[in-house]
Amino acid sequence: MYSSFAEKMSKPDLIDLGDGIYVLRFEVMKVTSVYSAVKDLLVRGVIRPGQTLVDSSSGIYGHALALVCRELGLKCHVFASVAVDDSIRTQLKYLGATYDQVAGGTGSLQHDQEVRVRLVHDYLRRHPDAYWMRQYHDDVHYVGYEHVANMLLKELGSAEMTLVGGVGTGSSTSAMSRYLRAGCPNVRVAGIQPFGSRSFGAEGFPLDGFIIAGIGSGIRFDNIDYSAYDDVHWLDFDVSAAGCRHLLSSTGVFAGLSAGAGWQAARHIRRTRPDAGPVVFMAADPGHRYVQQVFPPDGPVAEDPDYRPVVITELDQMTGPWCTMNWGRRHYSVQDDLPALSLQG
């Protein structure tokens, strides 16, 4: 029995989909990081009961923060992306959180995230007692994934495991790599990125859809451990959406765009490395938010288009709709004021 709904939400389900592919399915993945992060901050005295926690969110993190704050006796204010829909807004309201949503038509992932972070700074100036959770920067959000990594190792027990998941802020796949490799150093990690994301050098490639912004970045994220990743996959909306539909029709798993992208990458890894160990991809949330864009009720159930990625060796070879590169656990430096990058081997 769980002691609370938040505790239940922090525990994902591991499901065997056959052919050595597994999905680590979360109901609200960010609860895993937020629940442990907030409790850690309370125990260390960094925050106190009754204080207001504030952050920027494209949806899932804001919901998770509101849920955890309600349980632990804290207040919550969220600066929400244009992608936040009625479902998330309703939950924020009934969980007692307040929120401000940026206006539509910001034009880009980078602009949307920059606007939200500027609003956070302005809020902190007006409310100096509030605490900024810094989901994009503070690796306190890693802590909650330790028990998830340990569960994977216990269930699958393979030093040849490959983990596939969105890079996002770095607090899922980067964190999982840290804890998995503490037990099995040979675990491979494949990161998922949308085109247009600043992380891993795709900011110059046209962003095809804001809807997958939650796994990318328009601004610098400090809690990404670039050296955690063996491979990186860049996928556009169409490839990710096709993955969602095929995942649902072939396995019954109803999940969002990052899971659709992960399913595509996991199947590619299985095809190209048939003798490798278990391939586990992360599904951050169910597919309800994506019904109109990805699962139109009046649309046909299309066959799997069987996409294949273009394998590249340099970032300037990047191409859509899907490409992949052996990252080789390299470090990566992103300058605050320049789009240029440097790879440090």
Protein backbone atom coordinates (compact mmCIF):
# COMPACT_ATOMS: atom_id res chain seq x y z
CA MET A 1 0.00 0.00 0.00
CA TYR A 2 1.21 3.51 -0.81
CA SER A 3 1.07 6.27 1.77
CA SER A 4 -0.02 8.88 -0.78
CA PHE A 5 -0.93 9.42 -4.41
CA ALA A 6 2.35 11.26 -5.00
CA GLU A 7 4.31 8.27 -3.73
CA LYS A 8 2.41 5.99 -6.12
CA MET A 9 3.04 8.35 -9.04
CA SER A 10 6.78 8.24 -8.32
CA LYS A 11 6.90 4.47 -8.99
CA PRO A 12 6.92 3.44 -12.67
CA ASP A 13 5.87 0.09 -14.11
CA LEU A 14 8.32 -2.05 -16.08
CA ILE A 15 6.54 -3.88 -18.93
CA ASP A 16 7.99 -6.56 -21.21
CA LEU A 17 6.93 -5.75 -24.80
CA GLY A 18 8.68 -8.75 -26.32
CA ASP A 19 11.81 -9.14 -28.47
CA GLY A 20 13.98 -7.93 -25.59
CA ILE A 21 12.33 -4.47 -25.49
CA TYR A 22 10.85 -3.11 -22.27
CA VAL A 23 8.99 0.09 -21.45
CA LEU A 24 9.47 1.91 -18.18
CA ARG A 25 6.01 3.47 -17.99
CA PHE A 26 5.33 6.45 -15.74
CA GLU A 27 1.99 8.06 -15.08
CA VAL A 28 3.68 11.42 -14.42
CA MET A 29 7.45 10.95 -14.69
CA LYS A 30 8.39 14.28 -13.15
CA VAL A 31 6.79 13.25 -9.84
CA THR A 32 9.70 10.80 -9.50
CA SER A 33 12.23 13.64 -9.48
CA VAL A 34 10.13 16.31 -7.75
CA TYR A 35 8.93 14.10 -4.86
CA SER A 36 12.45 13.17 -3.79
CA ALA A 37 13.93 16.59 -4.59
CA VAL A 38 11.43 18.50 -2.43
CA LYS A 39 11.76 16.05 0.46
CA ASP A 40 15.55 16.34 0.23
CA LEU A 41 15.37 20.15 0.30
CA LEU A 42 13.05 20.03 3.32
CA VAL A 43 15.30 17.63 5.24
CA ARG A 44 18.36 19.80 4.58
CA GLY A 45 16.51 22.95 5.63
CA VAL A 46 16.90 24.61 2.25
CA ILE A 47 13.13 25.14 2.16
CA ARG A 48 10.53 25.09 4.93
CA PRO A 49 6.84 24.07 5.18
CA GLY A 50 4.49 26.77 3.93
CA GLN A 51 7.02 28.31 1.57
CA THR A 52 6.14 28.95 -2.09
CA LEU A 53 8.01 26.91 -4.69
CA VAL A 54 8.11 28.37 -8.18
CA ASP A 55 9.31 27.16 -11.57
CA SER A 56 8.80 27.20 -15.31
CA SER A 57 7.14 24.21 -16.96
CA SER A 58 5.88 22.86 -20.26
CA GLY A 59 3.29 20.86 -18.30
CA ILE A 60 4.39 17.69 -16.57
CA TYR A 61 6.84 19.29 -14.16
CA GLY A 62 4.29 21.91 -13.09
CA HIS A 63 1.68 19.25 -12.39
CA ALA A 64 4.23 17.20 -10.42
CA LEU A 65 5.34 20.22 -8.38
CA ALA A 66 1.74 21.13 -7.54
CA LEU A 67 0.95 17.56 -6.48
CA VAL A 68 4.02 17.29 -4.24
CA CYS A 69 3.53 20.74 -2.72
CA ARG A 70 -0.05 19.90 -1.79
CA GLU A 71 1.08 16.73 -0.04
CA LEU A 72 4.06 18.25 1.78
CA GLY A 73 2.45 21.49 2.93
CA LEU A 74 4.02 23.94 0.49
CA LYS A 75 2.61 26.50 -1.93
CA CYS A 76 3.24 26.37 -5.66
CA HIS A 77 3.33 28.85 -8.53
CA VAL A 78 4.01 27.75 -12.11
CA PHE A 79 4.93 29.74 -15.22
CA ALA A 80 3.36 27.56 -17.89
CA SER A 81 4.24 27.06 -21.51
CA VAL A 82 1.73 27.61 -24.30
CA ALA A 83 1.66 23.79 -24.51
CA VAL A 84 -0.09 23.48 -21.13
CA ASP A 85 -3.66 22.39 -21.82
CA ASP A 86 -6.98 22.34 -19.97
CA SER A 87 -6.17 19.02 -18.30
CA ILE A 88 -3.01 20.36 -16.67
CA ARG A 89 -4.57 23.73 -15.83
CA THR A 90 -7.50 21.97 -14.13
CA GLN A 91 -5.18 19.85 -12.01
CA LEU A 92 -3.08 22.86 -11.04
CA LYS A 93 -6.23 24.65 -9.90
CA TYR A 94 -7.60 21.82 -7.79
CA LEU A 95 -4.20 21.03 -6.31
CA GLY A 96 -4.11 24.59 -4.96
CA ALA A 97 -1.37 25.89 -7.25
CA THR A 98 -1.41 29.26 -8.98
CA TYR A 99 -0.05 29.74 -12.46
CA ASP A 100 0.63 32.22 -15.25
CA GLN A 101 0.64 31.00 -18.84
CA VAL A 102 2.72 32.72 -21.50
CA ALA A 103 0.84 34.07 -24.49
CA GLY A 104 0.66 32.10 -27.69
CA GLY A 105 2.63 33.00 -30.78
CA THR A 106 6.04 33.16 -29.10
CA GLY A 107 7.43 31.72 -32.31
CA SER A 108 10.03 29.31 -31.00
CA LEU A 109 10.99 26.89 -28.28
CA GLN A 110 13.84 29.16 -27.25
CA HIS A 111 11.64 32.25 -26.98
CA ASP A 112 8.97 30.40 -24.98
CA GLN A 113 11.48 29.09 -22.44
CA GLU A 114 13.34 32.41 -22.20
CA VAL A 115 10.07 34.26 -21.54
CA ARG A 116 9.07 31.83 -18.80
CA VAL A 117 12.45 32.04 -17.05
CA ARG A 118 12.35 35.87 -17.19
CA LEU A 119 8.93 35.71 -15.56
CA VAL A 120 10.33 33.47 -12.81
CA HIS A 121 13.08 36.03 -12.09
CA ASP A 122 10.53 38.84 -11.98
CA TYR A 123 8.35 36.80 -9.60
CA LEU A 124 11.33 36.19 -7.31
CA ARG A 125 12.06 39.93 -7.18
CA ARG A 126 8.46 40.56 -6.10
CA HIS A 127 8.32 37.55 -3.77
CA PRO A 128 11.81 37.24 -2.24
CA ASP A 129 10.70 34.47 0.12
CA ALA A 130 9.76 32.15 -2.76
CA TYR A 131 12.13 29.35 -3.74
CA TRP A 132 13.02 28.64 -7.37
CA MET A 133 13.23 24.87 -7.95
CA ARG A 134 15.50 25.32 -10.99
CA GLN A 135 14.39 22.15 -12.74
CA TYR A 136 16.61 23.08 -15.68
CA HIS A 137 19.74 23.42 -13.58
CA ASP A 138 19.73 21.73 -10.15
CA ASP A 139 20.73 18.08 -10.10
CA VAL A 140 18.85 17.59 -6.83
CA HIS A 141 16.25 16.34 -9.31
CA TYR A 142 18.47 13.30 -9.95
CA VAL A 143 17.84 11.81 -6.49
CA GLY A 144 14.44 10.27 -7.20
CA TYR A 145 15.73 8.10 -10.02
CA GLU A 146 18.04 6.06 -7.82
CA HIS A 147 15.27 3.69 -6.74
CA VAL A 148 14.09 3.39 -10.36
CA ALA A 149 17.59 2.42 -11.53
CA ASN A 150 17.92 -0.10 -8.72
CA MET A 151 14.58 -1.62 -9.66
CA LEU A 152 15.72 -2.03 -13.28
CA LEU A 153 18.94 -3.72 -12.24
CA LYS A 154 17.06 -6.04 -9.90
CA GLU A 155 14.48 -6.99 -12.54
CA LEU A 156 16.74 -7.28 -15.59
CA GLY A 157 20.14 -7.81 -14.00
CA SER A 158 22.11 -7.20 -17.18
CA ALA A 159 25.35 -5.32 -17.63
CA GLU A 160 24.46 -5.08 -21.35
CA MET A 161 21.27 -3.07 -20.83
CA THR A 162 20.51 -0.08 -23.08
CA LEU A 163 18.37 2.76 -21.71
CA VAL A 164 16.52 5.01 -24.18
CA GLY A 165 14.82 8.26 -23.19
CA GLY A 166 14.36 11.98 -23.72
CA VAL A 167 17.21 14.23 -22.64
CA GLY A 168 14.90 17.03 -21.53
CA THR A 169 16.44 18.79 -18.54
CA GLY A 170 18.79 15.88 -17.91
CA SER A 171 17.02 14.77 -14.76
CA SER A 172 15.83 11.44 -16.14
CA THR A 173 18.29 9.80 -18.54
CA SER A 174 21.35 11.58 -17.12
CA ALA A 175 20.27 10.63 -13.62
CA MET A 176 19.45 7.05 -14.57
CA SER A 177 22.86 6.64 -16.20
CA ARG A 178 24.57 7.68 -12.97
CA TYR A 179 22.73 5.15 -10.83
CA LEU A 180 22.65 2.31 -13.37
CA ARG A 181 26.38 2.53 -14.03
CA ALA A 182 27.13 2.52 -10.33
CA GLY A 183 26.08 -1.14 -10.51
CA CYS A 184 26.81 -1.91 -14.17
CA PRO A 185 29.36 0.40 -15.86
CA ASN A 186 28.63 -1.03 -19.33
CA VAL A 187 25.01 0.15 -19.45
CA ARG A 188 24.46 2.13 -22.65
CA VAL A 189 22.30 5.26 -22.81
CA ALA A 190 20.64 6.64 -25.95
CA GLY A 191 19.25 10.17 -25.65
CA ILE A 192 16.25 11.46 -27.61
CA GLN A 193 16.19 15.03 -28.93
CA PRO A 194 13.78 17.02 -31.11
CA PHE A 195 15.15 19.14 -33.93
CA GLY A 196 15.48 22.76 -32.84
CA SER A 197 16.78 21.84 -29.38
CA ARG A 198 19.83 23.69 -28.15
CA SER A 199 21.14 20.64 -26.31
CA PHE A 200 23.46 18.55 -28.50
CA GLY A 201 23.70 21.19 -31.20
CA ALA A 202 20.37 21.01 -33.04
CA GLU A 203 19.38 24.65 -32.43
CA GLY A 204 20.15 25.60 -36.04
CA PHE A 205 17.93 22.88 -37.47
CA PRO A 206 14.31 24.03 -38.03
CA LEU A 207 11.97 23.13 -35.18
CA ASP A 208 9.08 21.22 -36.71
CA GLY A 209 6.67 21.33 -33.80
CA PHE A 210 6.50 22.89 -30.34
CA ILE A 211 4.59 19.84 -29.11
CA ILE A 212 7.86 17.91 -28.46
CA ALA A 213 9.58 20.74 -26.61
CA GLY A 214 9.49 18.82 -23.33
CA ILE A 215 12.38 16.60 -24.44
CA GLY A 216 14.51 19.42 -25.83
CA SER A 217 15.86 22.78 -24.77
CA GLY A 218 15.64 26.31 -26.08
CA ILE A 219 17.98 27.66 -23.40
CA ARG A 220 21.02 26.35 -21.58
CA PHE A 221 20.25 23.48 -19.19
CA ASP A 222 22.95 22.97 -16.58
CA ASN A 223 21.85 19.59 -15.23
CA ILE A 224 22.46 17.62 -18.42
CA ASP A 225 25.43 15.29 -18.08
CA TYR A 226 26.47 15.13 -21.73
CA SER A 227 29.09 12.50 -20.98
CA ALA A 228 26.31 10.09 -19.96
CA TYR A 229 25.18 9.41 -23.54
CA ASP A 230 26.54 6.77 -25.87
CA ASP A 231 24.20 7.69 -28.72
CA VAL A 232 21.85 10.55 -29.57
CA HIS A 233 18.77 10.32 -31.79
CA TRP A 234 17.13 13.42 -33.31
CA LEU A 235 13.55 12.75 -34.44
CA ASP A 236 10.88 15.02 -35.85
CA PHE A 237 7.20 15.14 -34.96
CA ASP A 238 6.06 12.77 -37.71
CA VAL A 239 8.49 10.01 -36.74
CA SER A 240 7.64 10.37 -33.04
CA ALA A 241 3.88 10.46 -33.69
CA ALA A 242 4.09 7.38 -35.92
CA GLY A 243 5.94 5.67 -33.08
CA CYS A 244 3.11 6.56 -30.68
CA ARG A 245 0.49 5.08 -32.97
CA HIS A 246 2.46 1.92 -33.66
CA LEU A 247 3.25 1.50 -29.96
CA LEU A 248 -0.47 1.69 -29.14
CA SER A 249 -1.67 -0.56 -31.96
CA SER A 250 1.01 -3.22 -31.49
CA THR A 251 1.42 -3.31 -27.67
CA GLY A 252 -1.57 -1.47 -26.17
CA VAL A 253 0.67 1.14 -24.52
CA PHE A 254 -0.96 4.59 -24.78
CA ALA A 255 1.81 7.13 -24.26
CA GLY A 256 3.11 10.54 -25.30
CA LEU A 257 5.51 11.72 -27.96
CA SER A 258 8.74 11.04 -26.09
CA ALA A 259 7.62 7.42 -25.71
CA GLY A 260 6.81 7.22 -29.42
CA ALA A 261 10.30 8.48 -30.19
CA GLY A 262 11.76 6.04 -27.67
CA TRP A 263 9.87 3.12 -29.23
CA GLN A 264 11.28 4.02 -32.65
CA ALA A 265 14.83 4.24 -31.27
CA ALA A 266 14.48 1.06 -29.21
CA ARG A 267 13.34 -0.94 -32.25
CA HIS A 268 16.23 0.47 -34.29
CA ILE A 269 18.70 -0.56 -31.57
CA ARG A 270 17.21 -4.05 -31.48
CA ARG A 271 17.43 -4.35 -35.29
CA THR A 272 21.05 -3.19 -35.44
CA ARG A 273 22.25 -4.90 -32.25
CA PRO A 274 20.18 -8.10 -32.12
CA ASP A 275 22.52 -9.81 -29.66
CA ALA A 276 22.56 -6.94 -27.16
CA GLY A 277 20.90 -7.17 -23.78
CA PRO A 278 17.56 -5.64 -22.76
CA VAL A 279 16.54 -2.36 -24.40
CA VAL A 280 14.46 -0.21 -22.04
CA PHE A 281 12.75 2.99 -23.17
CA MET A 282 11.06 5.50 -20.90
CA ALA A 283 7.43 6.61 -21.31
CA ALA A 284 7.00 9.85 -19.36
CA ASP A 285 3.21 10.18 -19.48
CA PRO A 286 0.05 8.75 -21.08
CA GLY A 287 -1.13 9.91 -24.49
CA HIS A 288 -4.18 11.94 -23.44
CA ARG A 289 -2.52 15.31 -24.07
CA TYR A 290 -1.71 14.27 -27.64
CA VAL A 291 -5.00 12.86 -28.87
CA GLN A 292 -5.85 15.60 -31.37
CA GLN A 293 -2.32 15.96 -32.77
CA VAL A 294 -1.18 12.34 -32.68
CA PHE A 295 -4.24 10.08 -32.31
CA PRO A 296 -7.06 11.88 -34.17
CA PRO A 297 -10.28 10.00 -33.32
CA ASP A 298 -11.54 10.21 -36.90
CA GLY A 299 -8.20 9.32 -38.47
CA PRO A 300 -7.32 5.93 -39.99
CA VAL A 301 -5.19 3.39 -38.13
CA ALA A 302 -2.17 3.71 -40.40
CA GLU A 303 0.38 0.98 -40.93
CA ASP A 304 3.84 1.41 -39.42
CA PRO A 305 5.74 3.58 -41.98
CA ASP A 306 8.94 1.78 -40.94
CA TYR A 307 11.20 4.81 -40.60
CA ARG A 308 14.97 4.32 -40.46
CA PRO A 309 17.50 6.88 -39.18
CA VAL A 310 20.36 8.39 -41.15
CA VAL A 311 23.62 7.65 -39.32
CA ILE A 312 25.81 10.75 -39.04
CA THR A 313 29.31 11.28 -37.67
CA GLU A 314 29.34 15.10 -37.36
CA LEU A 315 26.71 17.57 -36.17
CA ASP A 316 26.82 19.53 -39.43
CA GLN A 317 25.52 16.39 -41.20
CA MET A 318 22.26 16.56 -39.23
CA THR A 319 19.21 15.79 -41.32
CA GLY A 320 15.54 14.98 -40.85
CA PRO A 321 13.24 13.32 -40.29
CA TRP A 322 15.48 11.13 -38.10
CA CYS A 323 19.20 10.88 -37.65
CA THR A 324 21.47 9.30 -35.06
CA MET A 325 25.07 9.73 -33.98
CA ASN A 326 27.47 7.82 -31.80
CA TRP A 327 28.08 10.42 -29.09
CA GLY A 328 30.67 8.35 -27.27
CA ARG A 329 30.09 9.85 -23.79
CA ARG A 330 31.76 13.10 -24.80
CA HIS A 331 31.55 16.34 -22.86
CA TYR A 332 29.76 19.23 -24.49
CA SER A 333 30.12 22.94 -23.83
CA VAL A 334 27.30 25.34 -24.73
CA GLN A 335 28.09 29.05 -24.47
CA ASP A 336 25.39 31.23 -22.92
CA ASP A 337 25.54 33.88 -25.63
CA LEU A 338 26.60 31.91 -28.68
CA PRO A 339 24.94 29.16 -30.71
CA ALA A 340 28.36 27.64 -31.44
CA LEU A 341 29.55 24.58 -29.56
CA SER A 342 32.74 22.76 -28.73
CA LEU A 343 33.14 19.03 -28.32
CA GLN A 344 35.73 18.00 -25.80
CA GLY A 345 36.81 14.38 -26.29
